[in-house]
Amino acid sequence: MNPRTFRRATLSLGIAATTLAAAVATPAYARPDHSAPAPASVPATVAASPVFTVMDGVARQVADALADRAIMGGLSASAANGPVDLLAVNLSGRLAGDLRSANQRLLIAKGLPAGTGSLLRLRLAHPDMRAALARGEAPLVAATPTDDSATSVTAYDRSGGTVVLDAVRVPQRPVLLVDVDTERALSAGLTVMREELGAWGIRQAAPVPPASRASGGEVTAAAGYWATKVDAVRLGDDKEPWIKGGAEIYNIVAGFGLDGKVKVDLVQMPYLDHDGTTYYPNQLLVHFSSYKYNLADVVMMEDDGDTNYSALVKAIAGALLVIVDGGAYTPLVNAILDAIPTSWYTDDPDFVDAWYTLSTASSGRKYGAAGNGWMDVTGYWVQEL
């Protein structure tokens, strides 16, 4: 995880400033009230997420299995070379069965279909730990935290003991991390979201045939449409902890369709792994051929393990369906963000940043409303063949 979660207060200030500057109409939807105080009975600590609970249990089981030196040597050597699919490892029958059950619980926690496959991965926490593994030093095993604000990490040793590690300082002892295959999860999750949005009547803003197509089917010289192209993108450097891996970034691109109803595209940025790094993707982000207005909004999100895609898409769809086209463009960023439960801003899925009212005329460097990143964009004419 690289772009760290922004707290709600910071987000609200950034969005408020952007909304005032945009000078466009207020979105026509009822905003949920997140300002009410919590009941006195609510505990001060936040309960562990379902995803983390599953991974923490797997970490304990893997640590116990390391008491077998053959298993320890095999897993350590494999993890030193890259992430290991835990369901593909040759383990004892009972442990293998427990891991398959854990994977099914993980799929349920993430709102993914049973046929998604294995999401359980084991990886070396830091490249500098390879030398210790090569010397045969017994590693600790921990689950990657899904809470970005965690200051400590609980790891397990092969004797059943626990060791508390600093979440910022790289430990001297090698650590194997039980992780979620977020690349596979995101791919499956976006499929779930697209299908669910379609079932709610919210269609994708896919390119449509241009009005300039002649009645006989031939394409005129003017056939094509405008899009927004991302020339460069960079997210803020947040001094990420050693325990976090690469981010899985996707964008919720929303605008009003030609029929006046909200349309949504889900656009991945699979290359955007690290904060503090500039990427030059030349990627098309907004396709204006399907929009009624020359404007669209972008909400950038990431999944570093804990996203429940089924719950997320239901929340977003429920908010967008009540927005009415009043004859002038209304920003959709606030509706999307208000649909996401407040607790998700201190855990996953992580909000990264938002861009209001991109148009075909948008060009140059555009900073996000939360101040966590920027994109260099240009208008791009997509010519039909």
Protein backbone atom coordinates (compact mmCIF):
# COMPACT_ATOMS: atom_id res chain seq x y z
CA MET A 1 0.00 0.00 0.00
CA ASN A 2 1.50 3.29 -1.00
CA PRO A 3 -0.97 6.19 -1.21
CA ARG A 4 -2.00 6.32 2.45
CA THR A 5 -5.57 6.87 3.59
CA PHE A 6 -6.56 10.51 4.05
CA ARG A 7 -8.57 11.28 7.14
CA ARG A 8 -12.09 12.61 6.66
CA ALA A 9 -11.30 16.09 7.96
CA THR A 10 -8.52 16.64 5.45
CA LEU A 11 -10.70 15.28 2.68
CA SER A 12 -13.62 17.54 3.55
CA LEU A 13 -11.44 20.66 3.53
CA GLY A 14 -9.93 19.84 0.15
CA ILE A 15 -13.25 19.01 -1.44
CA ALA A 16 -14.96 22.04 0.01
CA ALA A 17 -12.33 24.32 -1.50
CA THR A 18 -12.58 22.64 -4.87
CA THR A 19 -16.36 22.76 -4.89
CA LEU A 20 -16.36 26.51 -4.19
CA ALA A 21 -13.85 27.11 -6.95
CA ALA A 22 -15.79 25.02 -9.46
CA ALA A 23 -18.87 27.29 -9.26
CA VAL A 24 -21.24 24.57 -10.40
CA ALA A 25 -24.60 23.43 -9.06
CA THR A 26 -24.91 21.45 -5.84
CA PRO A 27 -25.52 17.72 -6.40
CA ALA A 28 -29.22 16.80 -6.13
CA TYR A 29 -29.01 14.04 -3.55
CA ALA A 30 -29.54 13.57 0.16
CA ARG A 31 -26.15 13.44 1.86
CA PRO A 32 -25.76 11.02 4.79
CA ASP A 33 -24.94 12.58 8.12
CA HIS A 34 -21.46 11.44 9.25
CA SER A 35 -21.18 14.16 11.89
CA ALA A 36 -23.34 12.59 14.60
CA PRO A 37 -21.37 11.59 17.71
CA ALA A 38 -20.80 7.91 18.33
CA PRO A 39 -22.84 6.27 21.09
CA ALA A 40 -21.09 6.04 24.44
CA SER A 41 -21.19 2.26 24.24
CA VAL A 42 -18.97 2.11 21.15
CA PRO A 43 -15.48 0.90 22.17
CA ALA A 44 -12.49 3.17 21.59
CA THR A 45 -10.68 0.55 19.50
CA VAL A 46 -11.85 -0.47 16.05
CA ALA A 47 -12.62 -4.16 15.59
CA ALA A 48 -10.39 -6.05 13.20
CA SER A 49 -11.77 -6.28 9.68
CA PRO A 50 -13.05 -9.64 8.39
CA VAL A 51 -10.20 -9.77 5.87
CA PHE A 52 -7.52 -9.17 8.49
CA THR A 53 -9.10 -11.71 10.83
CA VAL A 54 -8.79 -14.39 8.15
CA MET A 55 -5.20 -13.47 7.28
CA ASP A 56 -4.13 -13.28 10.92
CA GLY A 57 -5.47 -16.79 11.48
CA VAL A 58 -3.55 -18.05 8.45
CA ALA A 59 -0.38 -16.36 9.74
CA ARG A 60 -0.68 -18.33 13.00
CA GLN A 61 -1.15 -21.59 11.11
CA VAL A 62 1.78 -20.97 8.78
CA ALA A 63 4.00 -20.05 11.74
CA ASP A 64 3.06 -23.32 13.45
CA ALA A 65 3.88 -25.24 10.29
CA LEU A 66 7.39 -23.75 10.27
CA ALA A 67 8.23 -26.02 13.20
CA ASP A 68 8.78 -28.58 10.45
CA ARG A 69 12.22 -27.63 9.12
CA ALA A 70 11.45 -29.01 5.67
CA ILE A 71 8.37 -26.78 5.38
CA MET A 72 10.30 -23.81 6.78
CA GLY A 73 13.09 -24.24 4.26
CA GLY A 74 10.71 -24.67 1.33
CA LEU A 75 8.47 -21.72 2.16
CA SER A 76 11.39 -19.45 3.03
CA ALA A 77 13.23 -20.22 -0.20
CA SER A 78 10.11 -19.75 -2.31
CA ALA A 79 9.04 -16.50 -0.62
CA ALA A 80 12.56 -15.09 -1.02
CA ASN A 81 12.08 -15.33 -4.79
CA GLY A 82 8.63 -13.76 -4.90
CA PRO A 83 5.05 -14.08 -3.62
CA VAL A 84 3.91 -17.67 -3.03
CA ASP A 85 0.38 -18.92 -3.67
CA LEU A 86 -0.37 -20.70 -0.40
CA LEU A 87 -2.98 -22.96 -1.99
CA ALA A 88 -0.42 -24.17 -4.52
CA VAL A 89 2.15 -25.21 -1.90
CA ASN A 90 2.51 -28.91 -1.10
CA LEU A 91 1.49 -28.94 2.57
CA SER A 92 0.00 -31.52 4.93
CA GLY A 93 -3.61 -32.51 4.34
CA ARG A 94 -5.04 -30.76 7.40
CA LEU A 95 -3.21 -27.48 6.83
CA ALA A 96 -4.02 -27.53 3.12
CA GLY A 97 -7.70 -28.00 3.95
CA ASP A 98 -7.60 -25.19 6.52
CA LEU A 99 -6.03 -22.85 3.96
CA ARG A 100 -8.71 -23.68 1.38
CA SER A 101 -11.39 -22.89 3.95
CA ALA A 102 -9.63 -19.65 4.87
CA ASN A 103 -9.51 -18.66 1.20
CA GLN A 104 -13.27 -19.18 0.87
CA ARG A 105 -13.86 -16.99 3.93
CA LEU A 106 -11.56 -14.39 2.41
CA LEU A 107 -13.57 -14.37 -0.83
CA ILE A 108 -16.78 -13.87 1.13
CA ALA A 109 -15.20 -11.03 3.15
CA LYS A 110 -14.20 -9.31 -0.08
CA GLY A 111 -17.57 -9.82 -1.78
CA LEU A 112 -16.08 -11.97 -4.55
CA PRO A 113 -17.50 -15.11 -6.20
CA ALA A 114 -16.28 -18.53 -5.11
CA GLY A 115 -14.73 -19.15 -8.53
CA THR A 116 -12.27 -16.26 -8.17
CA GLY A 117 -9.50 -18.63 -7.11
CA SER A 118 -6.73 -18.32 -4.55
CA LEU A 119 -6.12 -14.93 -2.94
CA LEU A 120 -3.77 -16.12 -0.17
CA ARG A 121 -0.18 -15.14 -0.75
CA LEU A 122 2.99 -15.40 1.31
CA ARG A 123 5.78 -12.91 0.64
CA LEU A 124 9.03 -11.75 2.18
CA ALA A 125 8.42 -8.47 3.99
CA HIS A 126 11.62 -6.75 2.79
CA PRO A 127 14.40 -7.64 0.32
CA ASP A 128 17.06 -7.02 2.98
CA MET A 129 15.79 -10.11 4.85
CA ARG A 130 16.94 -12.56 2.17
CA ALA A 131 20.40 -12.97 3.67
CA ALA A 132 19.00 -14.03 7.05
CA LEU A 133 16.75 -16.58 5.37
CA ALA A 134 19.71 -17.93 3.40
CA ARG A 135 21.55 -18.47 6.72
CA GLY A 136 18.63 -20.61 7.87
CA GLU A 137 17.27 -18.14 10.42
CA ALA A 138 13.67 -19.00 11.35
CA PRO A 139 11.31 -16.28 10.14
CA LEU A 140 8.39 -14.74 11.94
CA VAL A 141 5.00 -14.79 10.21
CA ALA A 142 2.53 -11.89 10.26
CA ALA A 143 -0.57 -10.76 8.42
CA THR A 144 -0.29 -7.52 6.48
CA PRO A 145 -2.35 -4.92 8.41
CA THR A 146 -5.40 -3.55 6.63
CA ASP A 147 -5.40 -0.48 8.88
CA ASP A 148 -3.07 2.18 7.48
CA SER A 149 -2.73 3.87 10.86
CA ALA A 150 -1.34 0.78 12.60
CA THR A 151 1.85 1.56 14.53
CA SER A 152 2.70 -2.03 15.42
CA VAL A 153 2.46 -5.46 13.85
CA THR A 154 1.87 -8.73 15.70
CA ALA A 155 3.97 -11.57 14.32
CA TYR A 156 4.09 -15.25 15.29
CA ASP A 157 7.04 -17.59 15.73
CA ARG A 158 7.14 -21.33 15.12
CA SER A 159 6.83 -22.12 18.84
CA GLY A 160 3.46 -20.38 19.07
CA GLY A 161 4.75 -17.16 20.63
CA THR A 162 3.97 -13.61 19.54
CA VAL A 163 6.37 -10.79 18.78
CA VAL A 164 5.27 -7.16 18.45
CA LEU A 165 7.08 -5.34 15.64
CA ASP A 166 7.37 -1.64 14.86
CA ALA A 167 5.30 -0.87 11.75
CA VAL A 168 7.80 1.76 10.57
CA ARG A 169 11.24 0.33 11.43
CA VAL A 170 12.36 -2.72 9.45
CA PRO A 171 13.00 -5.58 11.93
CA GLN A 172 16.32 -7.39 12.08
CA ARG A 173 14.64 -10.79 12.02
CA PRO A 174 13.16 -12.02 8.71
CA VAL A 175 9.37 -11.80 8.42
CA LEU A 176 7.05 -13.65 6.07
CA LEU A 177 3.78 -11.83 5.40
CA VAL A 178 0.41 -13.39 4.69
CA ASP A 179 -1.05 -11.11 2.07
CA VAL A 180 -3.99 -10.79 -0.31
CA ASP A 181 -3.37 -11.14 -4.04
CA THR A 182 -4.78 -7.68 -4.70
CA GLU A 183 -4.11 -7.83 -8.42
CA ARG A 184 -6.40 -10.85 -8.82
CA ALA A 185 -8.86 -9.47 -6.28
CA LEU A 186 -9.11 -6.11 -8.05
CA SER A 187 -9.66 -7.70 -11.45
CA ALA A 188 -12.45 -9.89 -10.07
CA GLY A 189 -13.81 -7.06 -7.95
CA LEU A 190 -14.17 -4.63 -10.83
CA THR A 191 -16.04 -7.32 -12.76
CA VAL A 192 -18.42 -7.67 -9.79
CA MET A 193 -18.86 -3.89 -9.65
CA ARG A 194 -19.56 -3.55 -13.38
CA GLU A 195 -22.13 -6.34 -13.27
CA GLU A 196 -23.80 -4.90 -10.18
CA LEU A 197 -23.89 -1.37 -11.58
CA GLY A 198 -25.45 -2.74 -14.76
CA ALA A 199 -28.06 -4.61 -12.72
CA TRP A 200 -28.95 -1.31 -11.02
CA GLY A 201 -29.31 0.35 -14.42
CA ILE A 202 -26.06 2.33 -14.24
CA ARG A 203 -24.31 1.72 -17.53
CA GLN A 204 -20.68 2.12 -18.48
CA ALA A 205 -19.63 5.24 -20.34
CA ALA A 206 -18.10 3.22 -23.15
CA PRO A 207 -17.40 5.03 -26.44
CA VAL A 208 -20.50 5.27 -28.65
CA PRO A 209 -20.68 5.63 -32.45
CA PRO A 210 -20.28 9.31 -33.39
CA ALA A 211 -23.22 11.25 -34.77
CA SER A 212 -21.14 12.01 -37.86
CA ARG A 213 -21.45 8.44 -39.14
CA ALA A 214 -23.27 8.59 -42.46
CA SER A 215 -26.54 6.71 -43.01
CA GLY A 216 -24.88 4.26 -45.37
CA GLY A 217 -22.43 3.13 -42.70
CA GLU A 218 -19.32 4.84 -44.06
CA VAL A 219 -17.25 6.96 -41.67
CA THR A 220 -16.84 10.65 -42.44
CA ALA A 221 -13.60 12.54 -41.90
CA ALA A 222 -14.98 13.99 -38.65
CA ALA A 223 -15.83 10.62 -37.09
CA GLY A 224 -14.36 10.16 -33.62
CA TYR A 225 -14.69 11.58 -30.14
CA TRP A 226 -12.82 13.52 -27.47
CA ALA A 227 -11.18 11.89 -24.48
CA THR A 228 -8.98 12.96 -21.56
CA LYS A 229 -5.52 11.43 -21.73
CA VAL A 230 -3.28 11.08 -18.66
CA ASP A 231 0.25 11.97 -19.74
CA ALA A 232 1.76 11.73 -16.24
CA VAL A 233 0.54 10.96 -12.72
CA ARG A 234 2.12 11.12 -9.29
CA LEU A 235 0.83 10.43 -5.79
CA GLY A 236 2.16 11.96 -2.57
CA ASP A 237 5.14 10.51 -0.73
CA ASP A 238 3.80 9.35 2.62
CA LYS A 239 6.82 7.46 3.99
CA GLU A 240 5.03 4.12 3.73
CA PRO A 241 5.79 1.40 6.31
CA TRP A 242 7.99 -1.54 5.42
CA ILE A 243 5.15 -3.99 5.78
CA LYS A 244 3.02 -2.59 2.96
CA GLY A 245 3.31 -3.79 -0.60
CA GLY A 246 2.42 -2.17 -3.92
CA ALA A 247 -0.90 -0.40 -4.41
CA GLU A 248 -3.70 -1.48 -6.75
CA ILE A 249 -5.20 1.73 -8.11
CA TYR A 250 -8.50 2.17 -9.90
CA ASN A 251 -10.69 5.14 -10.78
CA ILE A 252 -14.43 5.66 -10.61
CA VAL A 253 -15.15 7.96 -13.57
CA ALA A 254 -18.69 9.37 -13.50
CA GLY A 255 -20.78 11.72 -15.60
CA PHE A 256 -24.25 12.09 -17.08
CA GLY A 257 -25.04 9.95 -20.10
CA LEU A 258 -26.82 11.10 -23.22
CA ASP A 259 -30.08 9.99 -21.58
CA GLY A 260 -29.43 12.20 -18.54
CA LYS A 261 -28.72 9.24 -16.27
CA VAL A 262 -25.46 8.80 -14.38
CA LYS A 263 -22.89 6.61 -16.13
CA VAL A 264 -19.80 5.11 -14.51
CA ASP A 265 -16.54 3.75 -15.88
CA LEU A 266 -14.08 1.79 -13.73
CA VAL A 267 -10.55 2.43 -14.98
CA GLN A 268 -7.51 0.61 -13.60
CA MET A 269 -4.04 2.07 -13.30
CA PRO A 270 -2.06 -1.16 -12.82
CA TYR A 271 1.29 0.57 -13.23
CA LEU A 272 0.77 3.01 -10.33
CA ASP A 273 2.47 0.93 -7.64
CA HIS A 274 4.35 3.46 -5.55
CA ASP A 275 3.83 6.92 -4.14
CA GLY A 276 6.54 9.52 -4.66
CA THR A 277 7.09 8.21 -8.21
CA THR A 278 6.03 9.84 -11.47
CA TYR A 279 4.50 7.57 -14.11
CA TYR A 280 3.95 8.41 -17.78
CA PRO A 281 1.12 6.13 -18.96
CA ASN A 282 -0.49 8.02 -21.89
CA GLN A 283 -3.73 6.40 -20.73
CA LEU A 284 -7.23 7.44 -21.78
CA LEU A 285 -9.23 8.14 -18.63
CA VAL A 286 -12.49 9.81 -19.73
CA HIS A 287 -14.42 9.05 -22.93
CA PHE A 288 -16.70 12.01 -23.64
CA SER A 289 -18.62 10.43 -26.52
CA SER A 290 -21.12 8.94 -24.05
CA TYR A 291 -21.69 12.02 -21.93
CA LYS A 292 -24.44 14.63 -22.20
CA TYR A 293 -22.21 17.34 -20.76
CA ASN A 294 -18.62 18.18 -21.52
CA LEU A 295 -17.69 17.32 -17.92
CA ALA A 296 -16.91 14.26 -15.80
CA ASP A 297 -15.57 13.56 -12.31
CA VAL A 298 -12.89 11.11 -11.19
CA VAL A 299 -12.52 9.43 -7.79
CA MET A 300 -9.25 7.53 -7.38
CA MET A 301 -9.30 4.53 -5.04
CA GLU A 302 -6.98 1.70 -4.10
CA ASP A 303 -7.35 -1.81 -2.78
CA ASP A 304 -4.49 -3.08 -0.65
CA GLY A 305 -6.45 -6.05 0.65
CA ASP A 306 -9.57 -5.16 2.56
CA THR A 307 -12.09 -3.95 -0.03
CA ASN A 308 -15.50 -5.64 -0.05
CA TYR A 309 -16.46 -4.98 -3.65
CA SER A 310 -20.05 -6.13 -3.29
CA ALA A 311 -20.69 -3.73 -0.40
CA LEU A 312 -18.82 -0.89 -2.11
CA VAL A 313 -20.74 -1.07 -5.38
CA LYS A 314 -24.11 -1.31 -3.63
CA ALA A 315 -23.31 1.82 -1.61
CA ILE A 316 -22.18 3.76 -4.69
CA ALA A 317 -25.10 2.62 -6.84
CA GLY A 318 -27.61 3.54 -4.16
CA ALA A 319 -26.21 7.08 -4.00
CA LEU A 320 -25.94 7.67 -7.75
CA LEU A 321 -29.42 6.41 -8.58
CA VAL A 322 -31.08 9.26 -6.67
CA ILE A 323 -29.19 12.01 -8.52
CA VAL A 324 -31.39 13.82 -11.01
CA ASP A 325 -30.12 15.65 -14.08
CA GLY A 326 -31.40 19.18 -13.55
CA GLY A 327 -30.31 20.54 -16.91
CA ALA A 328 -26.88 21.64 -15.69
CA TYR A 329 -23.87 19.55 -14.72
CA THR A 330 -23.69 18.64 -11.04
CA PRO A 331 -20.49 17.17 -9.54
CA LEU A 332 -20.72 13.49 -8.62
CA VAL A 333 -17.60 13.21 -6.44
CA ASN A 334 -19.41 14.11 -3.23
CA ALA A 335 -22.17 11.61 -3.87
CA ILE A 336 -19.66 8.80 -4.36
CA LEU A 337 -17.60 9.69 -1.30
CA ASP A 338 -20.62 10.19 0.94
CA ALA A 339 -21.88 6.75 -0.07
CA ILE A 340 -18.77 5.13 1.40
CA PRO A 341 -19.09 4.47 5.15
CA THR A 342 -16.98 6.80 7.27
CA SER A 343 -15.11 3.87 8.81
CA TRP A 344 -13.73 2.98 5.39
CA TYR A 345 -11.69 6.18 5.39
CA THR A 346 -9.55 4.83 8.23
CA ASP A 347 -9.29 1.39 6.68
CA ASP A 348 -9.72 0.01 3.19
CA PRO A 349 -10.91 0.57 0.52
CA ASP A 350 -8.71 3.65 0.54
CA PHE A 351 -9.74 6.92 -0.98
CA VAL A 352 -6.70 8.39 -2.74
CA ASP A 353 -7.88 11.62 -4.36
CA ALA A 354 -10.58 13.19 -6.54
CA TRP A 355 -10.70 15.40 -9.61
CA TYR A 356 -13.77 17.52 -10.27
CA THR A 357 -15.15 18.53 -13.65
CA LEU A 358 -12.58 17.33 -16.15
CA SER A 359 -13.54 18.44 -19.66
CA THR A 360 -12.31 18.13 -23.22
CA ALA A 361 -10.56 21.46 -22.64
CA SER A 362 -8.71 20.25 -19.52
CA SER A 363 -4.96 20.35 -20.00
CA GLY A 364 -1.83 20.69 -17.96
CA ARG A 365 -1.28 19.71 -14.33
CA LYS A 366 -4.43 19.05 -12.34
CA TYR A 367 -4.05 18.59 -8.58
CA GLY A 368 -6.53 16.39 -6.73
CA ALA A 369 -9.01 17.93 -4.30
CA ALA A 370 -7.42 16.14 -1.33
CA GLY A 371 -3.92 17.29 -2.27
CA ASN A 372 -2.57 13.76 -2.47
CA GLY A 373 -1.65 13.67 -6.13
CA TRP A 374 -1.64 15.28 -9.53
CA MET A 375 -2.21 14.32 -13.14
CA ASP A 376 -0.90 15.94 -16.30
CA VAL A 377 -3.77 15.69 -18.76
CA THR A 378 -4.52 16.67 -22.35
CA GLY A 379 -7.55 16.48 -24.57
CA TYR A 380 -7.18 13.67 -27.09
CA TRP A 381 -9.18 13.18 -30.28
CA VAL A 382 -9.88 9.48 -30.83
CA GLN A 383 -10.13 9.05 -34.58
CA GLU A 384 -12.25 6.21 -35.92
CA LEU A 385 -10.65 3.89 -38.47
